[in-house]
């Protein structure tokens, strides 16, 4: 088990879309951290693959980022965020903060 996570992850269970070149496939974003995403998809991926991810957010907004696959256990895989705009990084931080707040308020 050489795969060590730097930050905590929060469950989001959101619909998304993966793209690799001309290939596109629906996915489910299972959880996120500030630096990575865990995804479930039927798209065949292997470690090292570069993908584009679009996550559907509330009120019709979306979040888009580039990913690199780091761990695969089909149909799920873990990836690190390699490129994200400042606006989308802010949206990701809000998702992360909102989920952490919600989980602490339930205790």
N, C-alpha and C. Protein backbone atom coordinates (compact mmCIF):
# COMPACT_ATOMS: atom_id res chain seq x y z
N UNK A 1 0.82 -1.19 0.00
CA UNK A 1 0.00 0.00 0.00
C UNK A 1 0.87 1.25 0.00
N UNK A 2 1.44 1.62 -1.14
CA UNK A 2 2.28 2.80 -1.21
C UNK A 2 1.50 4.08 -1.46
N UNK A 3 0.21 3.99 -1.67
CA UNK A 3 -0.60 5.15 -2.00
C UNK A 3 -1.04 5.85 -0.72
N UNK A 4 -0.47 7.02 -0.45
CA UNK A 4 -0.80 7.77 0.76
C UNK A 4 -1.49 9.08 0.40
N UNK A 5 -2.62 9.31 0.98
CA UNK A 5 -3.41 10.50 0.73
C UNK A 5 -2.89 11.65 1.58
N UNK A 6 -2.76 12.84 0.98
CA UNK A 6 -2.26 14.00 1.71
C UNK A 6 -3.34 14.69 2.53
N UNK A 7 -4.56 14.75 2.00
CA UNK A 7 -5.64 15.45 2.69
C UNK A 7 -6.85 14.56 2.86
N UNK A 8 -7.80 15.05 3.62
CA UNK A 8 -9.01 14.25 3.80
C UNK A 8 -9.94 14.43 2.60
N UNK A 9 -10.79 13.45 2.42
CA UNK A 9 -11.75 13.48 1.31
C UNK A 9 -13.15 13.59 1.87
N UNK A 10 -14.03 14.18 1.08
CA UNK A 10 -15.44 14.26 1.46
C UNK A 10 -16.29 13.67 0.34
N UNK A 11 -17.32 12.93 0.73
CA UNK A 11 -18.23 12.34 -0.25
C UNK A 11 -19.05 13.42 -0.91
N UNK A 12 -19.21 13.29 -2.23
CA UNK A 12 -20.06 14.24 -2.95
C UNK A 12 -21.13 13.55 -3.79
N UNK A 13 -20.84 12.36 -4.32
CA UNK A 13 -21.80 11.61 -5.14
C UNK A 13 -22.52 12.49 -6.15
N UNK A 14 -21.75 13.06 -7.05
CA UNK A 14 -22.29 13.95 -8.09
C UNK A 14 -22.08 13.35 -9.47
N UNK A 15 -23.01 13.66 -10.37
CA UNK A 15 -22.87 13.23 -11.76
C UNK A 15 -21.78 14.06 -12.41
N UNK A 16 -21.09 13.42 -13.34
CA UNK A 16 -20.04 14.12 -14.07
C UNK A 16 -19.85 13.52 -15.44
N UNK A 17 -18.87 14.05 -16.15
CA UNK A 17 -18.55 13.55 -17.48
C UNK A 17 -17.04 13.56 -17.64
N UNK A 18 -16.51 12.43 -18.10
CA UNK A 18 -15.08 12.30 -18.37
C UNK A 18 -14.83 12.42 -19.85
N UNK A 19 -13.68 12.99 -20.19
CA UNK A 19 -13.30 13.07 -21.60
C UNK A 19 -11.82 12.77 -21.72
N UNK A 20 -11.50 11.94 -22.72
CA UNK A 20 -10.11 11.63 -23.07
C UNK A 20 -10.06 11.66 -24.58
N UNK A 21 -9.48 12.73 -25.12
CA UNK A 21 -9.47 12.89 -26.57
C UNK A 21 -10.90 12.94 -27.07
N UNK A 22 -11.23 12.14 -28.10
CA UNK A 22 -12.60 12.15 -28.63
C UNK A 22 -13.57 11.30 -27.78
N UNK A 23 -13.06 10.51 -26.85
CA UNK A 23 -13.92 9.66 -26.03
C UNK A 23 -14.54 10.45 -24.88
N UNK A 24 -15.82 10.20 -24.64
CA UNK A 24 -16.52 10.86 -23.54
C UNK A 24 -17.42 9.83 -22.88
N UNK A 25 -17.53 9.89 -21.55
CA UNK A 25 -18.36 8.92 -20.83
C UNK A 25 -18.90 9.55 -19.55
N UNK A 26 -20.13 9.16 -19.18
CA UNK A 26 -20.66 9.65 -17.90
C UNK A 26 -19.89 9.01 -16.75
N UNK A 27 -19.90 9.67 -15.61
CA UNK A 27 -19.25 9.13 -14.43
C UNK A 27 -19.97 9.61 -13.18
N UNK A 28 -19.60 9.03 -12.06
CA UNK A 28 -20.08 9.50 -10.77
C UNK A 28 -18.85 9.91 -9.97
N UNK A 29 -18.85 11.16 -9.51
CA UNK A 29 -17.76 11.65 -8.67
C UNK A 29 -18.11 11.24 -7.25
N UNK A 30 -17.35 10.30 -6.70
CA UNK A 30 -17.65 9.73 -5.39
C UNK A 30 -17.20 10.65 -4.26
N UNK A 31 -15.96 11.11 -4.34
CA UNK A 31 -15.48 12.02 -3.30
C UNK A 31 -14.38 12.91 -3.85
N UNK A 32 -14.12 13.99 -3.13
CA UNK A 32 -13.10 14.96 -3.55
C UNK A 32 -12.24 15.35 -2.37
N UNK A 33 -11.04 15.77 -2.68
CA UNK A 33 -10.17 16.42 -1.71
C UNK A 33 -9.71 17.70 -2.39
N UNK A 34 -8.84 18.43 -1.76
CA UNK A 34 -8.35 19.66 -2.38
C UNK A 34 -7.41 19.38 -3.54
N UNK A 35 -6.90 18.15 -3.63
CA UNK A 35 -5.94 17.84 -4.69
C UNK A 35 -6.34 16.66 -5.56
N UNK A 36 -7.44 15.98 -5.25
CA UNK A 36 -7.79 14.79 -6.02
C UNK A 36 -9.27 14.47 -6.01
N UNK A 37 -9.61 13.47 -6.82
CA UNK A 37 -11.00 13.07 -7.01
C UNK A 37 -11.06 11.55 -7.14
N UNK A 38 -12.08 10.92 -6.54
CA UNK A 38 -12.31 9.49 -6.74
C UNK A 38 -13.58 9.36 -7.57
N UNK A 39 -13.50 8.56 -8.62
CA UNK A 39 -14.55 8.49 -9.64
C UNK A 39 -14.94 7.05 -9.90
N UNK A 40 -16.21 6.86 -10.27
CA UNK A 40 -16.70 5.57 -10.76
C UNK A 40 -17.17 5.79 -12.18
N UNK A 41 -16.65 4.97 -13.11
CA UNK A 41 -17.01 5.12 -14.52
C UNK A 41 -16.77 3.82 -15.27
N UNK A 42 -17.48 3.69 -16.38
CA UNK A 42 -17.26 2.53 -17.25
C UNK A 42 -16.14 2.78 -18.25
N UNK A 43 -15.64 4.01 -18.31
CA UNK A 43 -14.53 4.32 -19.22
C UNK A 43 -13.30 3.54 -18.75
N UNK A 44 -12.64 2.88 -19.67
CA UNK A 44 -11.41 2.15 -19.33
C UNK A 44 -10.29 3.16 -19.12
N UNK A 45 -9.67 3.12 -17.95
CA UNK A 45 -8.54 4.00 -17.66
C UNK A 45 -7.41 3.17 -17.05
N UNK A 46 -6.21 3.70 -17.15
CA UNK A 46 -5.06 3.08 -16.49
C UNK A 46 -4.23 4.18 -15.84
N UNK A 47 -3.40 3.81 -14.89
CA UNK A 47 -2.55 4.78 -14.21
C UNK A 47 -1.76 5.59 -15.22
N UNK A 48 -1.72 6.90 -14.99
CA UNK A 48 -1.00 7.79 -15.88
C UNK A 48 -1.87 8.47 -16.92
N UNK A 49 -3.08 7.95 -17.17
CA UNK A 49 -3.97 8.56 -18.16
C UNK A 49 -4.32 9.99 -17.76
N UNK A 50 -4.39 10.86 -18.76
CA UNK A 50 -4.81 12.26 -18.56
C UNK A 50 -6.25 12.38 -19.03
N UNK A 51 -7.11 12.96 -18.18
CA UNK A 51 -8.53 13.09 -18.48
C UNK A 51 -9.02 14.50 -18.18
N UNK A 52 -10.13 14.85 -18.79
CA UNK A 52 -10.85 16.07 -18.43
C UNK A 52 -12.10 15.63 -17.68
N UNK A 53 -12.43 16.34 -16.61
CA UNK A 53 -13.62 16.03 -15.81
C UNK A 53 -14.50 17.26 -15.71
N UNK A 54 -15.80 17.06 -15.93
CA UNK A 54 -16.78 18.10 -15.72
C UNK A 54 -17.77 17.58 -14.68
N UNK A 55 -17.92 18.30 -13.57
CA UNK A 55 -18.84 17.92 -12.50
C UNK A 55 -20.04 18.85 -12.53
N UNK A 56 -21.24 18.28 -12.42
CA UNK A 56 -22.45 19.08 -12.37
C UNK A 56 -22.70 19.54 -10.94
N UNK A 57 -22.86 20.85 -10.76
CA UNK A 57 -23.11 21.44 -9.44
C UNK A 57 -24.53 21.98 -9.36
N UNK A 58 -24.85 22.60 -8.23
CA UNK A 58 -26.18 23.17 -8.06
C UNK A 58 -26.41 24.32 -9.03
N UNK A 59 -27.67 24.62 -9.28
CA UNK A 59 -28.12 25.74 -10.10
C UNK A 59 -27.49 25.75 -11.49
N UNK A 60 -27.28 24.55 -12.06
CA UNK A 60 -26.79 24.44 -13.42
C UNK A 60 -25.32 24.81 -13.62
N UNK A 61 -24.60 25.05 -12.53
CA UNK A 61 -23.18 25.38 -12.66
C UNK A 61 -22.36 24.11 -12.84
N UNK A 62 -21.17 24.28 -13.37
CA UNK A 62 -20.27 23.13 -13.56
C UNK A 62 -18.88 23.48 -13.05
N UNK A 63 -18.10 22.45 -12.82
CA UNK A 63 -16.70 22.58 -12.43
C UNK A 63 -15.92 21.71 -13.40
N UNK A 64 -14.88 22.25 -14.00
CA UNK A 64 -14.07 21.50 -14.96
C UNK A 64 -12.61 21.50 -14.52
N UNK A 65 -11.97 20.34 -14.66
CA UNK A 65 -10.55 20.26 -14.32
C UNK A 65 -9.89 19.14 -15.12
N UNK A 66 -8.57 19.16 -15.13
CA UNK A 66 -7.79 18.09 -15.75
C UNK A 66 -7.29 17.17 -14.65
N UNK A 67 -7.26 15.89 -14.95
CA UNK A 67 -6.88 14.87 -13.98
C UNK A 67 -5.81 13.96 -14.53
N UNK A 68 -5.07 13.35 -13.61
CA UNK A 68 -4.17 12.25 -13.97
C UNK A 68 -4.54 11.07 -13.08
N UNK A 69 -4.82 9.94 -13.71
CA UNK A 69 -5.19 8.73 -12.98
C UNK A 69 -3.98 8.22 -12.20
N UNK A 70 -4.17 7.96 -10.89
CA UNK A 70 -3.06 7.48 -10.07
C UNK A 70 -3.31 6.09 -9.48
N UNK A 71 -4.56 5.65 -9.43
CA UNK A 71 -4.89 4.37 -8.80
C UNK A 71 -6.17 3.84 -9.43
N UNK A 72 -6.15 2.58 -9.88
CA UNK A 72 -7.34 2.01 -10.53
C UNK A 72 -7.75 0.73 -9.84
N UNK A 73 -9.01 0.66 -9.48
CA UNK A 73 -9.64 -0.57 -9.02
C UNK A 73 -11.02 -0.56 -9.67
N UNK A 74 -11.06 -1.01 -10.93
CA UNK A 74 -12.24 -0.90 -11.78
C UNK A 74 -13.51 -1.37 -11.06
N UNK A 75 -14.62 -0.63 -11.19
CA UNK A 75 -14.87 0.53 -12.05
C UNK A 75 -14.52 1.87 -11.39
N UNK A 76 -13.81 1.84 -10.27
CA UNK A 76 -13.46 3.09 -9.58
C UNK A 76 -11.99 3.40 -9.78
N UNK A 77 -11.67 4.69 -9.72
CA UNK A 77 -10.26 5.08 -9.79
C UNK A 77 -10.05 6.40 -9.06
N UNK A 78 -8.82 6.56 -8.59
CA UNK A 78 -8.41 7.80 -7.94
C UNK A 78 -7.55 8.60 -8.88
N UNK A 79 -7.68 9.91 -8.80
CA UNK A 79 -6.91 10.76 -9.68
C UNK A 79 -6.49 12.03 -8.96
N UNK A 80 -5.40 12.62 -9.45
CA UNK A 80 -4.98 13.90 -8.89
C UNK A 80 -5.34 15.00 -9.88
N UNK A 81 -5.68 16.15 -9.33
CA UNK A 81 -6.03 17.30 -10.17
C UNK A 81 -4.72 17.90 -10.67
N UNK A 82 -4.58 17.99 -12.00
CA UNK A 82 -3.35 18.53 -12.57
C UNK A 82 -3.53 19.95 -13.07
N UNK A 83 -4.76 20.35 -13.35
CA UNK A 83 -5.01 21.71 -13.83
C UNK A 83 -6.45 22.09 -13.51
N UNK A 84 -6.61 23.29 -12.93
CA UNK A 84 -7.95 23.78 -12.60
C UNK A 84 -7.88 25.31 -12.57
N UNK A 85 -8.93 25.95 -13.10
CA UNK A 85 -8.94 27.41 -13.12
C UNK A 85 -9.14 27.95 -11.70
N UNK A 86 -8.74 29.18 -11.45
CA UNK A 86 -8.96 29.76 -10.12
C UNK A 86 -10.43 29.74 -9.71
N UNK A 87 -11.34 30.01 -10.66
CA UNK A 87 -12.77 30.00 -10.36
C UNK A 87 -13.25 28.60 -9.96
N UNK A 88 -12.79 27.59 -10.70
CA UNK A 88 -13.20 26.21 -10.40
C UNK A 88 -12.53 25.73 -9.11
N UNK A 89 -11.32 26.18 -8.82
CA UNK A 89 -10.67 25.83 -7.55
C UNK A 89 -11.50 26.38 -6.38
N UNK A 90 -12.03 27.58 -6.55
CA UNK A 90 -12.89 28.20 -5.54
C UNK A 90 -14.17 27.37 -5.35
N UNK A 91 -14.77 26.92 -6.46
CA UNK A 91 -15.97 26.08 -6.38
C UNK A 91 -15.66 24.77 -5.66
N UNK A 92 -14.52 24.18 -5.96
CA UNK A 92 -14.10 22.94 -5.31
C UNK A 92 -13.91 23.17 -3.80
N UNK A 93 -13.30 24.28 -3.44
CA UNK A 93 -13.10 24.60 -2.03
C UNK A 93 -14.44 24.76 -1.32
N UNK A 94 -15.43 25.35 -2.01
CA UNK A 94 -16.77 25.51 -1.41
C UNK A 94 -17.44 24.16 -1.20
N UNK A 95 -17.31 23.26 -2.18
CA UNK A 95 -17.89 21.90 -2.03
C UNK A 95 -17.25 21.24 -0.82
N UNK A 96 -15.93 21.31 -0.76
CA UNK A 96 -15.18 20.68 0.33
C UNK A 96 -15.60 21.28 1.67
N UNK A 97 -15.61 22.61 1.77
CA UNK A 97 -15.97 23.28 3.03
C UNK A 97 -17.40 22.98 3.45
N UNK A 98 -18.33 23.02 2.49
CA UNK A 98 -19.75 22.76 2.81
C UNK A 98 -19.93 21.35 3.36
N UNK A 99 -19.28 20.37 2.75
CA UNK A 99 -19.42 18.98 3.20
C UNK A 99 -18.80 18.77 4.57
N UNK A 100 -17.64 19.38 4.81
CA UNK A 100 -16.99 19.25 6.11
C UNK A 100 -17.87 19.87 7.19
N UNK A 101 -18.43 21.04 6.91
CA UNK A 101 -19.33 21.72 7.86
C UNK A 101 -20.54 20.84 8.16
N UNK A 102 -21.14 20.26 7.11
CA UNK A 102 -22.32 19.41 7.28
C UNK A 102 -22.00 18.18 8.12
N UNK A 103 -20.87 17.55 7.85
CA UNK A 103 -20.54 16.33 8.60
C UNK A 103 -20.26 16.64 10.06
N UNK A 104 -19.66 17.79 10.36
CA UNK A 104 -19.40 18.14 11.75
C UNK A 104 -20.69 18.56 12.46
N UNK A 105 -21.61 19.18 11.76
CA UNK A 105 -22.85 19.64 12.41
C UNK A 105 -23.79 18.47 12.74
N UNK A 106 -23.58 17.31 12.10
CA UNK A 106 -24.42 16.14 12.38
C UNK A 106 -24.00 15.40 13.64
N UNK A 107 -22.81 15.68 14.13
CA UNK A 107 -22.29 14.93 15.29
C UNK A 107 -22.81 15.45 16.58
